């Protein structure tokens, strides 16, 4: 069996964990990674991205399972995911996306108490041997630069059920 190392994740794993829910905090505080706050949904940038433009879309309601959403809230959440992808296409021109949610700790949920979708833009050749051989992940653009590029488009969103 081969082992692939991912040392950049240690900052997240060993770092001080924020008290409370990161999504609920994003609703109540002004931070530089929240792109959108709507009536039913929000979008934040992932502080520890797999790649540039890695976004998290969540319901405003603090819930952990899909069956806790009303049909309207579920529609708003999926519309938020769709529109986030549209913005990423316009601003970052990805070749594709990984979109999904991890439900429960065993499924990889880092924040299992608040349901959220990962929206990860992908480009041909965005992963390479550098990650495998040198234990290095290349994130070519600073988070704040990505935020500044995306924010004007998210400021125009209006998603309501």
Protein backbone atom coordinates (compact mmCIF):
# COMPACT_ATOMS: atom_id res chain seq x y z
CA UNK A 1 0.00 0.00 0.00
CA UNK A 2 1.25 3.49 -0.85
CA UNK A 3 0.82 6.44 1.46
CA UNK A 4 0.09 9.93 0.21
CA UNK A 5 0.96 12.64 2.70
CA UNK A 6 -1.08 15.82 3.10
CA UNK A 7 0.83 17.90 5.68
CA UNK A 8 -0.99 21.14 4.82
CA UNK A 9 -4.04 19.72 6.60
CA UNK A 10 -2.21 19.63 9.96
CA UNK A 11 -2.90 23.34 10.55
CA UNK A 12 -6.60 22.49 10.43
CA UNK A 13 -6.33 19.22 12.37
CA UNK A 14 -4.10 20.49 15.18
CA UNK A 15 -5.05 24.14 15.15
CA UNK A 16 -7.28 25.75 17.72
CA UNK A 17 -10.88 25.02 16.89
CA UNK A 18 -13.23 27.95 16.84
CA UNK A 19 -15.94 27.88 19.49
CA UNK A 20 -19.40 27.55 18.01
CA UNK A 21 -20.58 26.94 14.50
CA UNK A 22 -18.53 28.58 11.74
CA UNK A 23 -21.65 29.04 9.58
CA UNK A 24 -23.70 30.64 12.35
CA UNK A 25 -20.74 32.92 13.12
CA UNK A 26 -20.54 33.88 9.45
CA UNK A 27 -24.16 35.03 9.68
CA UNK A 28 -23.63 37.19 12.74
CA UNK A 29 -20.16 38.58 12.08
CA UNK A 30 -18.57 40.47 9.25
CA UNK A 31 -15.61 38.45 8.11
CA UNK A 32 -13.59 38.51 4.97
CA UNK A 33 -14.58 35.01 3.76
CA UNK A 34 -18.40 35.31 3.70
CA UNK A 35 -19.53 35.91 0.13
CA UNK A 36 -23.32 35.79 0.51
CA UNK A 37 -25.93 36.02 3.27
CA UNK A 38 -29.48 35.44 2.07
CA UNK A 39 -32.80 34.80 3.79
CA UNK A 40 -32.38 31.02 3.71
CA UNK A 41 -28.77 30.37 2.62
CA UNK A 42 -25.21 31.60 2.87
CA UNK A 43 -21.95 31.04 1.00
CA UNK A 44 -18.49 31.19 2.56
CA UNK A 45 -15.06 30.45 1.24
CA UNK A 46 -13.34 27.40 2.66
CA UNK A 47 -10.55 28.60 4.97
CA UNK A 48 -8.56 25.44 4.19
CA UNK A 49 -9.38 24.91 0.49
CA UNK A 50 -8.54 21.90 -1.61
CA UNK A 51 -8.12 24.31 -4.50
CA UNK A 52 -8.81 27.98 -5.33
CA UNK A 53 -12.48 28.88 -5.28
CA UNK A 54 -13.52 26.07 -2.88
CA UNK A 55 -16.84 27.35 -1.52
CA UNK A 56 -19.26 26.15 1.15
CA UNK A 57 -23.00 26.74 0.75
CA UNK A 58 -25.21 26.21 3.80
CA UNK A 59 -28.74 26.85 4.99
CA UNK A 60 -29.17 29.70 7.46
CA UNK A 61 -31.00 27.26 9.70
CA UNK A 62 -28.59 25.37 12.00
CA UNK A 63 -29.39 21.78 11.03
CA UNK A 64 -27.39 18.63 10.32
CA UNK A 65 -29.57 16.64 7.91
CA UNK A 66 -31.39 17.19 4.62
CA UNK A 67 -34.70 15.96 6.02
CA UNK A 68 -34.69 18.93 8.42
CA UNK A 69 -35.09 21.35 5.49
CA UNK A 70 -38.46 22.37 4.11
CA UNK A 71 -38.95 21.91 0.36
CA UNK A 72 -38.53 25.67 -0.08
CA UNK A 73 -35.31 25.75 1.94
CA UNK A 74 -33.96 22.79 -0.03
CA UNK A 75 -34.80 24.57 -3.27
CA UNK A 76 -33.06 27.75 -2.08
CA UNK A 77 -29.98 25.77 -1.04
CA UNK A 78 -29.70 24.01 -4.41
CA UNK A 79 -30.31 27.30 -6.22
CA UNK A 80 -27.50 28.84 -4.14
CA UNK A 81 -25.20 25.96 -5.15
CA UNK A 82 -26.17 26.38 -8.81
CA UNK A 83 -25.66 30.16 -8.80
CA UNK A 84 -22.35 29.80 -6.94
CA UNK A 85 -21.19 27.47 -9.70
CA UNK A 86 -22.32 30.02 -12.28
CA UNK A 87 -20.26 32.73 -10.61
CA UNK A 88 -17.22 30.47 -10.40
CA UNK A 89 -17.62 29.64 -14.12
CA UNK A 90 -17.75 33.34 -15.00
CA UNK A 91 -14.87 34.45 -12.76
CA UNK A 92 -12.54 31.43 -12.68
CA UNK A 93 -13.45 29.48 -15.85
CA UNK A 94 -13.12 25.94 -14.40
CA UNK A 95 -13.35 22.84 -16.58
CA UNK A 96 -15.71 21.12 -14.12
CA UNK A 97 -16.80 20.85 -10.48
CA UNK A 98 -16.92 18.51 -7.54
CA UNK A 99 -20.10 19.30 -5.60
CA UNK A 100 -21.30 17.37 -2.60
CA UNK A 101 -21.98 17.13 1.08
CA UNK A 102 -20.53 14.94 3.78
CA UNK A 103 -23.17 13.85 6.28
CA UNK A 104 -21.70 12.69 9.60
CA UNK A 105 -18.15 12.49 10.90
CA UNK A 106 -17.59 9.03 9.39
CA UNK A 107 -18.44 10.49 5.96
CA UNK A 108 -15.80 13.20 6.34
CA UNK A 109 -17.90 16.07 7.68
CA UNK A 110 -15.59 18.58 9.32
CA UNK A 111 -18.56 20.57 10.60
CA UNK A 112 -21.16 17.88 11.07
CA UNK A 113 -23.62 19.98 13.09
CA UNK A 114 -24.41 22.38 10.23
CA UNK A 115 -25.30 20.93 6.83
CA UNK A 116 -23.25 22.40 3.97
CA UNK A 117 -22.35 21.69 0.36
CA UNK A 118 -18.78 21.81 -0.90
CA UNK A 119 -18.44 23.48 -4.30
CA UNK A 120 -14.99 22.77 -5.69
CA UNK A 121 -14.01 24.11 -9.12
CA UNK A 122 -11.69 21.83 -11.07
CA UNK A 123 -9.31 22.37 -13.98
CA UNK A 124 -7.52 19.91 -16.20
CA UNK A 125 -4.10 19.39 -14.61
CA UNK A 126 -5.03 21.03 -11.29
CA UNK A 127 -3.52 18.13 -9.39
CA UNK A 128 -0.07 16.96 -10.24
CA UNK A 129 2.97 15.03 -9.06
CA UNK A 130 4.11 17.93 -6.86
CA UNK A 131 1.44 17.03 -4.33
CA UNK A 132 2.41 13.37 -4.29
CA UNK A 133 6.20 13.66 -4.42
CA UNK A 134 6.91 16.90 -2.58
CA UNK A 135 4.07 17.01 -0.03
CA UNK A 136 3.08 20.38 -1.45
CA UNK A 137 -0.27 21.60 -2.67
CA UNK A 138 -0.18 24.63 -4.91
CA UNK A 139 -2.91 27.19 -4.31
CA UNK A 140 -1.91 29.83 -6.86
CA UNK A 141 -4.06 32.69 -5.61
CA UNK A 142 -4.38 34.13 -2.10
CA UNK A 143 -7.78 33.59 -0.43
CA UNK A 144 -8.39 37.33 -0.10
CA UNK A 145 -7.68 37.89 -3.80
CA UNK A 146 -10.14 35.13 -4.71
CA UNK A 147 -12.66 36.70 -2.31
CA UNK A 148 -12.26 40.13 -3.91
CA UNK A 149 -12.76 38.63 -7.37
CA UNK A 150 -15.92 36.71 -6.38
CA UNK A 151 -17.60 39.11 -3.93
CA UNK A 152 -19.05 41.61 -6.46
CA UNK A 153 -20.94 38.78 -8.19
CA UNK A 154 -22.29 37.37 -4.92
CA UNK A 155 -23.42 40.88 -3.91
CA UNK A 156 -25.88 40.71 -6.84
CA UNK A 157 -27.47 37.41 -5.75
CA UNK A 158 -31.05 37.42 -4.53
CA UNK A 159 -32.30 33.95 -3.69
CA UNK A 160 -35.69 33.77 -2.02
CA UNK A 161 -38.26 31.01 -1.85
